N, C-alpha and C. Protein backbone atom coordinates (compact mmCIF):
# COMPACT_ATOMS: atom_id res chain seq x y z
N MET A 1 99.93 77.48 71.53
CA MET A 1 99.39 78.11 72.53
C MET A 1 100.02 78.11 74.34
N VAL A 2 101.03 76.73 74.24
CA VAL A 2 101.69 77.43 75.74
C VAL A 2 102.40 78.45 75.66
N LYS A 3 102.83 78.99 74.08
CA LYS A 3 103.61 80.87 74.35
C LYS A 3 102.87 81.82 74.61
N GLN A 4 101.33 81.39 74.41
CA GLN A 4 99.93 82.49 74.29
C GLN A 4 100.12 82.74 76.38
N GLN A 5 100.04 80.99 76.71
CA GLN A 5 99.42 81.03 77.95
C GLN A 5 100.62 81.45 79.21
N ARG A 6 101.96 81.81 79.22
CA ARG A 6 103.34 82.38 79.40
C ARG A 6 102.99 83.63 79.57
N ALA A 7 102.55 84.63 78.09
CA ALA A 7 102.38 86.26 77.35
C ALA A 7 100.57 86.33 78.45
N ALA A 8 99.69 85.20 79.02
CA ALA A 8 99.11 86.00 79.76
C ALA A 8 99.27 86.13 80.89
N ARG A 9 100.11 85.25 81.91
CA ARG A 9 100.90 84.61 82.93
C ARG A 9 101.72 86.21 83.59
N THR A 10 102.60 86.28 82.01
CA THR A 10 103.70 87.89 82.07
C THR A 10 102.24 88.55 82.24
N ARG A 11 102.16 88.96 81.26
CA ARG A 11 101.26 90.26 81.07
C ARG A 11 100.23 90.57 82.52
N GLU A 12 99.16 89.44 83.09
CA GLU A 12 98.78 89.20 83.90
C GLU A 12 99.35 90.06 85.39
N ALA A 13 100.72 89.43 85.47
CA ALA A 13 102.23 89.44 86.85
C ALA A 13 101.32 91.75 87.16
N LEU A 14 102.70 91.91 85.79
CA LEU A 14 103.24 93.16 85.12
C LEU A 14 101.83 93.70 85.53
N VAL A 15 100.86 93.55 85.49
CA VAL A 15 99.46 94.58 85.75
C VAL A 15 98.93 94.32 87.84
N GLN A 16 99.81 92.85 87.89
CA GLN A 16 99.29 92.92 89.06
C GLN A 16 99.82 93.92 90.29
N ALA A 17 101.43 94.04 89.92
CA ALA A 17 102.67 94.56 90.69
C ALA A 17 102.57 95.69 90.32
N ALA A 18 102.19 96.16 88.88
CA ALA A 18 101.80 97.92 88.86
C ALA A 18 101.15 98.28 89.06
N ALA A 19 99.71 98.17 89.68
CA ALA A 19 98.70 98.63 90.39
C ALA A 19 99.72 98.60 91.84
N ALA A 20 100.15 97.08 92.69
CA ALA A 20 100.57 97.82 94.01
C ALA A 20 101.31 99.28 94.05
N ALA A 21 102.20 99.23 92.80
CA ALA A 21 102.40 100.63 92.42
C ALA A 21 102.05 101.65 92.68
N PHE A 22 101.30 101.60 91.76
CA PHE A 22 100.68 103.57 91.62
C PHE A 22 99.75 103.64 92.32
N ASP A 23 98.74 102.11 93.16
CA ASP A 23 98.52 102.64 94.53
C ASP A 23 99.22 103.72 95.32
N CYS A 24 100.52 102.48 95.78
CA CYS A 24 101.29 102.81 96.71
C CYS A 24 102.27 104.33 96.68
N VAL A 25 102.26 104.83 94.86
CA VAL A 25 103.35 105.81 95.00
C VAL A 25 102.54 106.52 94.67
N GLY A 26 101.68 106.51 93.62
CA GLY A 26 100.92 107.31 92.16
C GLY A 26 101.96 106.93 91.32
N TYR A 27 101.38 107.99 90.21
CA TYR A 27 101.67 107.27 89.24
C TYR A 27 103.07 107.45 88.44
N GLU A 28 103.86 109.16 88.63
CA GLU A 28 104.14 109.98 88.61
C GLU A 28 105.55 109.53 89.26
N ALA A 29 105.45 108.97 90.38
CA ALA A 29 106.57 108.18 90.79
C ALA A 29 106.61 106.53 91.01
N ALA A 30 106.13 106.12 90.41
CA ALA A 30 106.21 104.37 90.35
C ALA A 30 106.62 104.91 88.54
N SER A 31 108.10 103.81 88.90
CA SER A 31 108.71 103.03 87.81
C SER A 31 108.48 102.20 87.26
N LEU A 32 109.16 102.09 85.90
CA LEU A 32 109.17 100.61 85.33
C LEU A 32 109.66 99.44 85.52
N ALA A 33 110.73 100.27 86.01
CA ALA A 33 112.27 99.07 86.84
C ALA A 33 111.51 98.66 87.99
N GLN A 34 110.32 99.73 88.96
CA GLN A 34 110.08 98.74 90.24
C GLN A 34 109.11 98.04 90.01
N VAL A 35 108.22 98.39 88.98
CA VAL A 35 107.10 97.14 88.52
C VAL A 35 108.06 96.37 88.25
N SER A 36 108.34 95.71 87.15
CA SER A 36 109.70 94.95 86.73
C SER A 36 110.78 94.46 87.82
N LYS A 37 111.56 94.94 88.90
CA LYS A 37 111.56 93.73 90.21
C LYS A 37 110.16 93.63 90.39
N SER A 38 109.37 94.17 91.09
CA SER A 38 108.91 93.89 91.74
C SER A 38 108.14 92.28 91.44
N ALA A 39 107.67 92.02 89.72
CA ALA A 39 106.50 91.04 89.22
C ALA A 39 107.82 89.80 88.56
N GLY A 40 109.00 89.97 89.23
CA GLY A 40 110.22 89.31 88.69
C GLY A 40 110.84 88.96 87.52
N ILE A 41 109.34 89.83 86.56
CA ILE A 41 110.21 89.92 85.34
C ILE A 41 110.31 90.93 84.80
N SER A 42 111.79 90.34 83.79
CA SER A 42 112.69 91.59 82.86
C SER A 42 112.42 93.30 82.34
N MET A 43 113.56 93.53 83.00
CA MET A 43 112.76 94.87 81.25
C MET A 43 112.36 95.07 80.56
N GLY A 44 112.79 94.05 79.77
CA GLY A 44 112.74 93.84 78.47
C GLY A 44 111.32 93.16 77.94
N ALA A 45 111.01 92.24 79.34
CA ALA A 45 109.20 91.70 78.45
C ALA A 45 108.50 92.56 78.66
N LEU A 46 108.19 93.32 80.16
CA LEU A 46 107.81 94.63 80.83
C LEU A 46 107.67 95.58 79.26
N THR A 47 108.35 96.17 79.00
CA THR A 47 108.02 96.94 78.30
C THR A 47 107.94 96.56 76.28
N PHE A 48 108.01 94.83 76.36
CA PHE A 48 107.53 93.94 74.76
C PHE A 48 105.59 94.22 74.87
N HIS A 49 105.43 94.24 76.52
CA HIS A 49 103.82 94.22 76.62
C HIS A 49 103.37 95.72 76.45
N PHE A 50 103.79 96.79 77.39
CA PHE A 50 103.60 97.83 77.62
C PHE A 50 104.68 98.93 77.13
N PRO A 51 105.17 98.93 76.99
CA PRO A 51 106.04 99.43 76.03
C PRO A 51 106.51 101.38 76.37
N THR A 52 104.83 101.79 76.69
CA THR A 52 104.73 102.76 78.01
C THR A 52 104.58 102.61 78.60
N LYS A 53 104.75 103.77 80.11
CA LYS A 53 104.70 103.98 81.54
C LYS A 53 102.07 104.02 81.05
N GLU A 54 102.29 104.86 79.43
CA GLU A 54 100.96 104.91 80.29
C GLU A 54 99.76 104.42 79.89
N GLN A 55 100.56 102.93 79.15
CA GLN A 55 100.61 101.82 78.97
C GLN A 55 99.61 101.01 79.96
N LEU A 56 100.65 101.51 80.78
CA LEU A 56 100.54 100.31 81.75
C LEU A 56 99.28 100.09 82.85
N ALA A 57 99.52 102.10 82.56
CA ALA A 57 98.67 103.30 83.13
C ALA A 57 97.05 102.50 83.15
N ALA A 58 96.96 102.15 82.27
CA ALA A 58 95.41 102.02 81.20
C ALA A 58 95.89 101.03 81.38
N ALA A 59 96.40 99.77 81.32
CA ALA A 59 95.94 99.05 81.67
C ALA A 59 95.52 98.56 83.23
N VAL A 60 95.75 98.88 84.09
CA VAL A 60 95.50 98.53 85.87
C VAL A 60 94.18 99.84 85.37
N GLN A 61 93.87 100.80 85.07
CA GLN A 61 92.47 101.17 85.44
C GLN A 61 91.55 100.51 83.93
N ALA A 62 92.00 100.08 82.87
CA ALA A 62 91.38 98.90 83.38
C ALA A 62 90.66 98.53 83.81
N ARG A 63 91.64 97.18 83.64
CA ARG A 63 90.94 96.51 85.20
C ARG A 63 90.75 96.81 86.72
N GLY A 64 90.33 97.60 87.00
CA GLY A 64 89.74 98.04 88.06
C GLY A 64 88.46 99.05 87.21
N ALA A 65 87.90 98.96 86.77
CA ALA A 65 86.98 99.14 86.09
C ALA A 65 86.13 98.76 85.78
N CYS A 66 87.46 97.16 84.68
CA CYS A 66 86.26 95.52 84.60
C CYS A 66 85.83 95.20 86.01
N VAL A 67 86.05 95.05 87.08
CA VAL A 67 86.32 94.54 88.34
C VAL A 67 84.98 94.96 88.43
N THR A 68 84.24 96.93 88.81
CA THR A 68 83.45 97.11 89.93
C THR A 68 82.35 97.36 88.80
N ARG A 69 82.87 97.42 87.28
CA ARG A 69 81.73 97.82 86.08
C ARG A 69 80.71 96.09 86.49
N THR A 70 81.46 94.55 87.08
CA THR A 70 81.04 93.50 87.38
C THR A 70 80.31 93.57 88.70
N ALA A 71 79.89 94.33 88.53
CA ALA A 71 79.31 94.68 90.82
C ALA A 71 78.46 95.21 90.72
N VAL A 72 78.89 96.67 89.65
CA VAL A 72 77.17 97.46 89.06
C VAL A 72 76.39 96.38 88.38
N GLU A 73 76.86 96.04 87.66
CA GLU A 73 76.10 95.56 86.57
C GLU A 73 75.22 94.28 87.50
N LYS A 74 75.97 93.62 89.27
CA LYS A 74 75.49 92.40 89.32
C LYS A 74 73.77 93.39 90.33
N ILE A 75 74.49 94.70 90.58
CA ILE A 75 73.04 95.43 91.35
C ILE A 75 72.05 95.92 90.20
N THR A 76 72.80 96.20 90.41
CA THR A 76 71.23 97.25 89.41
C THR A 76 70.90 96.48 88.67
N THR A 77 70.43 95.38 87.78
CA THR A 77 70.04 94.27 88.13
C THR A 77 68.74 94.46 88.65
N GLU A 78 68.85 94.07 89.85
CA GLU A 78 67.28 94.76 91.29
C GLU A 78 66.52 95.47 90.76
N GLN A 79 65.07 95.38 90.62
CA GLN A 79 64.64 96.71 89.80
C GLN A 79 63.75 97.12 90.97
N ASP A 80 63.36 97.35 91.83
CA ASP A 80 61.72 97.46 93.14
C ASP A 80 61.89 97.84 93.83
N ARG A 81 63.94 98.46 94.59
CA ARG A 81 63.71 99.19 95.08
C ARG A 81 65.82 99.89 95.30
N PRO A 82 65.00 101.06 94.47
CA PRO A 82 66.61 101.91 94.06
C PRO A 82 67.93 101.99 94.16
N LEU A 83 66.45 103.25 95.24
CA LEU A 83 67.72 103.68 96.31
C LEU A 83 68.10 102.82 98.02
N ARG A 84 67.57 101.83 97.99
CA ARG A 84 68.38 100.66 98.43
C ARG A 84 69.43 99.88 97.27
N SER A 85 69.27 100.40 96.12
CA SER A 85 70.34 99.23 95.08
C SER A 85 71.84 100.08 94.65
N ALA A 86 71.29 101.74 94.90
CA ALA A 86 71.87 102.74 95.05
C ALA A 86 72.48 102.23 96.23
N ILE A 87 72.24 102.29 97.32
CA ILE A 87 73.12 103.15 98.97
C ILE A 87 74.47 101.15 98.64
N GLU A 88 73.66 99.40 98.26
CA GLU A 88 74.43 98.61 98.63
C GLU A 88 75.64 98.73 97.18
N LEU A 89 75.47 99.68 95.94
CA LEU A 89 76.07 99.82 95.78
C LEU A 89 77.50 101.18 96.42
N THR A 90 77.26 101.47 96.52
CA THR A 90 78.33 102.29 97.48
C THR A 90 78.82 101.96 98.30
N LEU A 91 78.37 100.62 99.72
CA LEU A 91 78.83 99.98 99.79
C LEU A 91 80.19 98.43 99.22
N GLU A 92 79.00 98.29 97.95
CA GLU A 92 80.26 97.60 97.62
C GLU A 92 81.71 97.74 96.73
N VAL A 93 81.16 99.55 96.23
CA VAL A 93 82.22 100.79 95.25
C VAL A 93 83.45 100.14 97.13
N ALA A 94 82.99 100.86 97.88
CA ALA A 94 84.13 100.69 99.45
C ALA A 94 84.81 99.54 99.97
N ARG A 95 83.73 98.39 99.38
CA ARG A 95 84.27 96.56 99.47
C ARG A 95 85.40 96.88 98.31
N LEU A 96 85.68 97.01 97.43
CA LEU A 96 86.10 96.88 96.27
C LEU A 96 87.13 97.71 97.44
N LEU A 97 87.18 99.12 97.21
CA LEU A 97 88.55 99.65 97.59
C LEU A 97 89.67 99.61 98.50
N ASP A 98 89.16 98.46 99.50
CA ASP A 98 89.49 98.07 100.35
C ASP A 98 90.23 97.05 100.34
N GLU A 99 89.65 96.20 99.52
CA GLU A 99 90.75 94.82 99.52
C GLU A 99 91.16 94.82 97.52
N ASP A 100 90.32 94.83 96.64
CA ASP A 100 90.98 94.96 95.36
C ASP A 100 92.35 95.81 94.83
N VAL A 101 93.02 95.91 94.93
CA VAL A 101 94.98 97.08 94.61
C VAL A 101 94.70 97.15 93.42
N SER A 102 93.89 96.69 92.07
CA SER A 102 93.48 97.41 91.02
C SER A 102 92.10 98.70 90.67
N VAL A 103 91.40 98.27 91.63
CA VAL A 103 90.16 98.62 92.38
C VAL A 103 90.93 100.75 92.73
N ARG A 104 91.69 99.80 93.66
CA ARG A 104 92.10 101.05 94.61
C ARG A 104 92.84 102.30 93.87
N ALA A 105 93.90 101.74 93.04
CA ALA A 105 94.78 101.87 91.99
C ALA A 105 93.92 102.45 90.78
N ALA A 106 93.04 102.48 90.44
CA ALA A 106 92.45 102.91 89.42
C ALA A 106 91.90 104.08 90.23
N ALA A 107 91.03 104.65 91.25
CA ALA A 107 90.46 105.47 91.68
C ALA A 107 92.32 106.59 91.72
N ARG A 108 93.01 105.68 92.17
CA ARG A 108 93.42 107.00 91.91
C ARG A 108 94.11 107.51 90.73
N LEU A 109 94.61 106.81 89.92
CA LEU A 109 94.64 107.34 88.13
C LEU A 109 93.73 107.67 87.97
N THR A 110 92.98 107.34 88.49
CA THR A 110 91.37 108.46 87.82
C THR A 110 91.84 110.11 88.09
N ARG A 111 91.90 110.49 89.39
CA ARG A 111 93.14 111.09 89.27
C ARG A 111 94.28 112.65 89.24
N GLU A 112 95.09 111.54 89.06
CA GLU A 112 96.44 111.96 88.57
C GLU A 112 96.25 111.71 87.58
N CYS A 113 95.96 111.19 86.64
CA CYS A 113 95.64 110.83 84.83
C CYS A 113 94.28 111.75 84.61
N PRO A 114 93.17 112.59 85.13
CA PRO A 114 92.91 113.22 84.72
C PRO A 114 91.52 112.46 83.10
N ASN A 115 93.34 112.56 82.30
CA ASN A 115 92.43 112.36 80.16
C ASN A 115 92.98 111.53 79.89
N ALA A 116 93.08 109.86 80.92
CA ALA A 116 93.16 108.48 80.32
C ALA A 116 91.51 108.26 80.67
N ALA A 117 91.57 107.51 79.94
CA ALA A 117 89.93 106.94 79.83
C ALA A 117 90.31 105.09 79.91
N PRO A 118 90.08 104.50 80.43
CA PRO A 118 88.00 104.51 81.50
C PRO A 118 88.51 105.07 82.43
N SER A 119 88.03 106.22 82.76
CA SER A 119 87.86 107.29 83.88
C SER A 119 87.04 105.78 85.65
N TRP A 120 87.83 105.52 86.45
CA TRP A 120 87.17 104.28 87.20
C TRP A 120 85.88 104.79 87.76
N THR A 121 85.47 106.30 88.88
CA THR A 121 84.51 107.21 88.43
C THR A 121 82.95 106.65 87.71
N SER A 122 83.47 106.90 86.04
CA SER A 122 81.83 106.96 85.73
C SER A 122 81.70 105.53 85.39
N VAL A 123 82.63 105.19 85.71
CA VAL A 123 81.23 102.88 85.63
C VAL A 123 80.78 103.47 86.56
N TRP A 124 80.74 103.34 87.86
CA TRP A 124 80.07 103.41 89.26
C TRP A 124 79.08 104.46 89.19
N LEU A 125 79.04 106.04 89.35
CA LEU A 125 79.07 107.29 89.68
C LEU A 125 77.92 107.19 88.72
N PRO A 126 77.31 107.45 88.00
CA PRO A 126 76.86 107.38 87.19
C PRO A 126 74.97 106.32 87.48
N ALA A 127 75.93 104.97 87.69
CA ALA A 127 75.04 104.11 87.63
C ALA A 127 74.42 104.79 89.25
N VAL A 128 74.67 104.76 89.64
CA VAL A 128 74.02 105.45 90.97
C VAL A 128 73.27 106.78 91.17
N GLY A 129 73.30 108.02 90.01
CA GLY A 129 72.29 108.79 89.14
C GLY A 129 71.41 108.37 89.20
N ASP A 130 71.44 107.82 87.85
CA ASP A 130 70.51 106.56 87.98
C ASP A 130 69.47 106.27 88.37
N LEU A 131 70.19 105.29 89.38
CA LEU A 131 69.09 104.55 90.56
C LEU A 131 68.82 105.81 91.27
N LEU A 132 69.10 106.68 91.60
CA LEU A 132 68.53 107.34 93.16
C LEU A 132 67.40 108.73 91.65
N ASP A 133 67.75 108.87 91.38
CA ASP A 133 67.12 108.89 90.20
C ASP A 133 65.68 108.72 89.52
N ARG A 134 65.48 107.07 89.84
CA ARG A 134 64.81 106.54 89.75
C ARG A 134 63.65 106.31 91.45
N ALA A 135 64.33 106.27 92.41
CA ALA A 135 64.30 106.73 93.53
C ALA A 135 63.31 107.74 93.84
N SER A 136 64.08 108.67 93.27
CA SER A 136 63.07 109.66 93.36
C SER A 136 61.09 109.79 93.12
N GLN A 137 60.57 109.08 92.24
CA GLN A 137 60.14 109.13 92.77
C GLN A 137 58.48 108.72 93.69
N ASP A 138 59.61 107.55 94.13
CA ASP A 138 58.54 106.98 95.38
C ASP A 138 59.50 107.80 96.97
N GLU A 139 60.74 106.69 96.56
CA GLU A 139 61.40 106.80 98.25
C GLU A 139 62.48 107.72 98.63
N LEU A 140 62.58 109.18 97.77
CA LEU A 140 62.73 109.84 97.97
C LEU A 140 62.34 110.80 99.13
N ARG A 141 62.41 111.02 99.84
CA ARG A 141 62.27 112.39 101.50
C ARG A 141 61.16 113.66 100.05
N PRO A 142 60.62 114.39 99.96
CA PRO A 142 60.14 115.28 99.13
C PRO A 142 61.44 116.62 99.42
N GLY A 143 61.96 117.71 98.72
CA GLY A 143 63.15 118.35 98.35
C GLY A 143 63.97 117.63 98.59
N ALA A 144 64.54 116.37 98.49
CA ALA A 144 65.61 115.43 98.49
C ALA A 144 65.82 115.25 96.96
N ASP A 145 66.31 116.02 96.95
CA ASP A 145 67.05 116.21 95.36
C ASP A 145 68.31 115.54 95.11
N PRO A 146 68.05 114.39 94.18
CA PRO A 146 68.83 113.18 93.62
C PRO A 146 69.98 113.66 93.52
N GLN A 147 70.23 115.05 92.82
CA GLN A 147 71.92 115.53 92.43
C GLN A 147 72.35 115.66 93.72
N THR A 148 72.02 117.05 94.08
CA THR A 148 73.11 117.05 95.51
C THR A 148 72.87 114.55 96.83
N ILE A 149 72.31 114.35 96.61
CA ILE A 149 72.78 113.05 97.18
C ILE A 149 73.95 112.42 95.71
N LEU A 150 73.94 112.23 95.09
CA LEU A 150 75.14 112.14 94.51
C LEU A 150 76.02 112.78 94.26
N THR A 151 76.29 114.02 94.29
CA THR A 151 77.53 114.57 95.23
C THR A 151 78.13 114.65 96.77
N LEU A 152 76.89 114.07 97.19
CA LEU A 152 76.94 113.52 98.61
C LEU A 152 77.76 112.12 98.68
N THR A 153 77.32 111.18 97.67
CA THR A 153 77.85 110.75 97.79
C THR A 153 79.03 110.45 97.47
N ALA A 154 79.59 111.50 95.70
CA ALA A 154 80.94 111.17 95.47
C ALA A 154 81.40 111.99 96.72
N HIS A 155 81.43 112.26 97.25
CA HIS A 155 82.70 112.37 98.58
C HIS A 155 82.19 111.58 99.77
N LEU A 156 81.15 110.82 99.90
CA LEU A 156 81.29 109.24 100.75
C LEU A 156 82.13 108.38 100.14
N ILE A 157 82.27 108.11 98.71
CA ILE A 157 83.84 107.71 98.14
C ILE A 157 85.11 107.95 98.45
N THR A 158 85.15 109.28 98.32
CA THR A 158 86.19 109.27 97.94
C THR A 158 86.78 110.28 99.61
N GLY A 159 86.08 109.42 100.45
CA GLY A 159 86.23 110.31 101.75
C GLY A 159 87.05 108.50 102.27
N THR A 160 85.84 107.24 101.78
CA THR A 160 86.23 106.06 101.97
C THR A 160 88.09 105.99 101.14
N GLU A 161 87.76 106.55 100.45
CA GLU A 161 89.44 106.40 99.60
C GLU A 161 90.88 106.93 100.65
N ASN A 162 90.29 108.07 101.12
CA ASN A 162 91.17 108.80 102.19
C ASN A 162 91.35 108.07 103.05
N TYR A 163 90.27 107.15 103.63
CA TYR A 163 90.41 106.70 105.17
C TYR A 163 91.19 105.49 104.51
N ILE A 164 91.51 104.50 103.72
CA ILE A 164 91.86 103.67 103.25
C ILE A 164 93.71 103.90 103.57
N ARG A 165 93.22 104.34 102.94
CA ARG A 165 94.65 105.15 103.12
C ARG A 165 95.52 105.49 103.71
N ARG A 166 95.11 105.83 104.89
CA ARG A 166 95.70 106.57 105.66
C ARG A 166 96.23 105.85 107.14
N CYS A 167 94.98 104.69 106.64
CA CYS A 167 95.05 103.27 107.11
C CYS A 167 95.48 102.43 107.28
N ALA A 168 96.80 102.78 106.01
CA ALA A 168 96.96 101.20 104.96
C ALA A 168 98.26 100.21 106.20
N SER A 169 98.71 101.62 107.19
CA SER A 169 99.97 100.67 107.72
C SER A 169 99.61 99.56 107.85
N ALA A 170 98.37 99.69 108.60
CA ALA A 170 97.82 99.23 110.01
C ALA A 170 96.62 98.59 109.68
N PRO A 171 96.03 98.31 108.55
CA PRO A 171 94.77 97.45 107.98
C PRO A 171 93.98 96.98 108.89
N GLU A 172 93.89 96.00 109.84
CA GLU A 172 93.34 95.24 110.82
C GLU A 172 93.19 95.11 112.41
N GLN A 173 93.59 96.94 112.13
CA GLN A 173 93.14 97.21 113.67
C GLN A 173 92.02 99.23 113.51
N ARG A 174 91.66 98.99 111.77
CA ARG A 174 90.48 99.51 111.66
C ARG A 174 89.77 99.34 111.13
N GLU A 175 88.11 99.89 111.72
CA GLU A 175 87.44 100.10 111.68
C GLU A 175 86.92 99.10 109.92
N SER A 176 86.10 98.22 108.48
CA SER A 176 85.77 97.68 107.72
C SER A 176 85.91 99.72 107.27
N ALA A 177 85.99 99.50 106.11
CA ALA A 177 85.90 101.08 105.23
C ALA A 177 83.99 100.97 104.84
N GLN A 178 83.75 99.34 104.02
CA GLN A 178 81.96 99.48 104.37
C GLN A 178 81.24 99.65 105.45
N ASP A 179 81.63 98.75 106.71
CA ASP A 179 81.15 98.09 107.78
C ASP A 179 81.15 100.13 108.18
N GLN A 180 82.22 101.33 107.80
CA GLN A 180 82.25 102.78 107.92
C GLN A 180 81.37 103.08 107.30
N LEU A 181 81.02 102.65 106.17
CA LEU A 181 80.30 103.60 104.89
C LEU A 181 78.91 103.08 105.49
N TYR A 182 78.31 102.21 105.66
CA TYR A 182 77.04 101.67 105.64
C TYR A 182 76.65 102.24 107.71
N ARG A 183 77.07 102.94 108.38
CA ARG A 183 77.23 103.33 109.37
C ARG A 183 76.93 105.16 109.23
N VAL A 184 77.63 105.35 108.10
CA VAL A 184 76.95 106.84 107.68
C VAL A 184 75.74 107.07 107.45
N TRP A 185 75.39 106.43 105.75
CA TRP A 185 74.71 106.06 105.55
C TRP A 185 72.87 105.70 106.78
N GLN A 186 73.76 105.32 107.11
CA GLN A 186 71.91 104.98 108.76
C GLN A 186 71.89 106.34 109.46
N VAL A 187 72.60 107.53 109.36
CA VAL A 187 72.42 108.02 109.94
C VAL A 187 71.76 109.29 108.70
N VAL A 188 72.40 108.95 107.55
CA VAL A 188 72.10 109.60 106.51
C VAL A 188 70.50 109.80 106.22
N LEU A 189 70.30 107.94 106.02
CA LEU A 189 68.64 108.09 104.54
C LEU A 189 67.81 108.80 106.53
N PRO A 190 67.60 108.41 107.15
CA PRO A 190 66.70 109.64 108.12
C PRO A 190 65.62 111.09 107.32
N GLY A 191 66.73 111.41 106.33
CA GLY A 191 66.87 112.66 106.36
C GLY A 191 66.51 112.28 105.29
N ILE A 192 66.62 111.66 104.16
CA ILE A 192 66.27 111.63 102.60
C ILE A 192 65.29 110.76 102.04
N SER A 193 65.50 110.13 103.28
CA SER A 193 63.91 108.24 102.78
C SER A 193 62.71 108.74 102.66
N GLN A 194 61.85 108.09 101.80
CA GLN A 194 60.12 108.42 102.51
C GLN A 194 59.96 107.24 102.95
N GLY A 195 59.22 107.74 103.77
CA GLY A 195 58.48 106.68 105.22
C GLY A 195 59.90 105.88 105.40
N PRO A 196 59.44 104.53 105.78
CA PRO A 196 60.73 103.49 106.37
C PRO A 196 62.06 103.55 104.99
N CYS A 197 63.39 103.82 106.36
CA CYS A 197 64.57 103.54 105.74
C CYS A 197 64.16 101.69 105.07
N PRO A 198 64.90 101.98 103.89
CA PRO A 198 65.70 100.60 102.95
C PRO A 198 66.63 99.88 103.65
N VAL A 199 65.88 98.90 104.51
CA VAL A 199 66.34 97.80 104.93
C VAL A 199 68.41 97.52 104.01
N ILE A 200 69.41 97.93 104.45
CA ILE A 200 70.47 97.75 103.87
C ILE A 200 71.30 96.55 104.43
């Protein structure tokens, strides 16, 4: 039992260190030696748990996807206001990108290793699409196409990630990504929402 706990702690430390490395320098530039040194764990222990960089990247993507999936499941359980839920989900994704290195790493790895699974975007974007489809029945303004709004959402989250990375050297001097995205939605909502804008 003690041996299993020690192995779990080692694996956790390696995934965290790898997430930081992939987030900072990307898949190609990150090295197993860098991850080993950052985690304070020998290269032998690293390759025992993760024989290749691809397997380590997959573990990081799985971690980021798991964190994001938990948020998706929590928000999508609310059934009565799908448009509000869709926007709340994007705001939560923005918060996770801002605060969780495994989520940022998963987002970057999805771009840099497109054939790897799970794709981080596939965890949350289809859920937003489902909510927007449901909202189209009575919450969206006539002519507001759910697919177009979904495309806008994908661009907004990409922009959010770029904003976070651009300001990475001085995060305390910038507005939170969630607050910035909230203000963007306040501009967008009157153009897509039928009747009073949903309170978010």
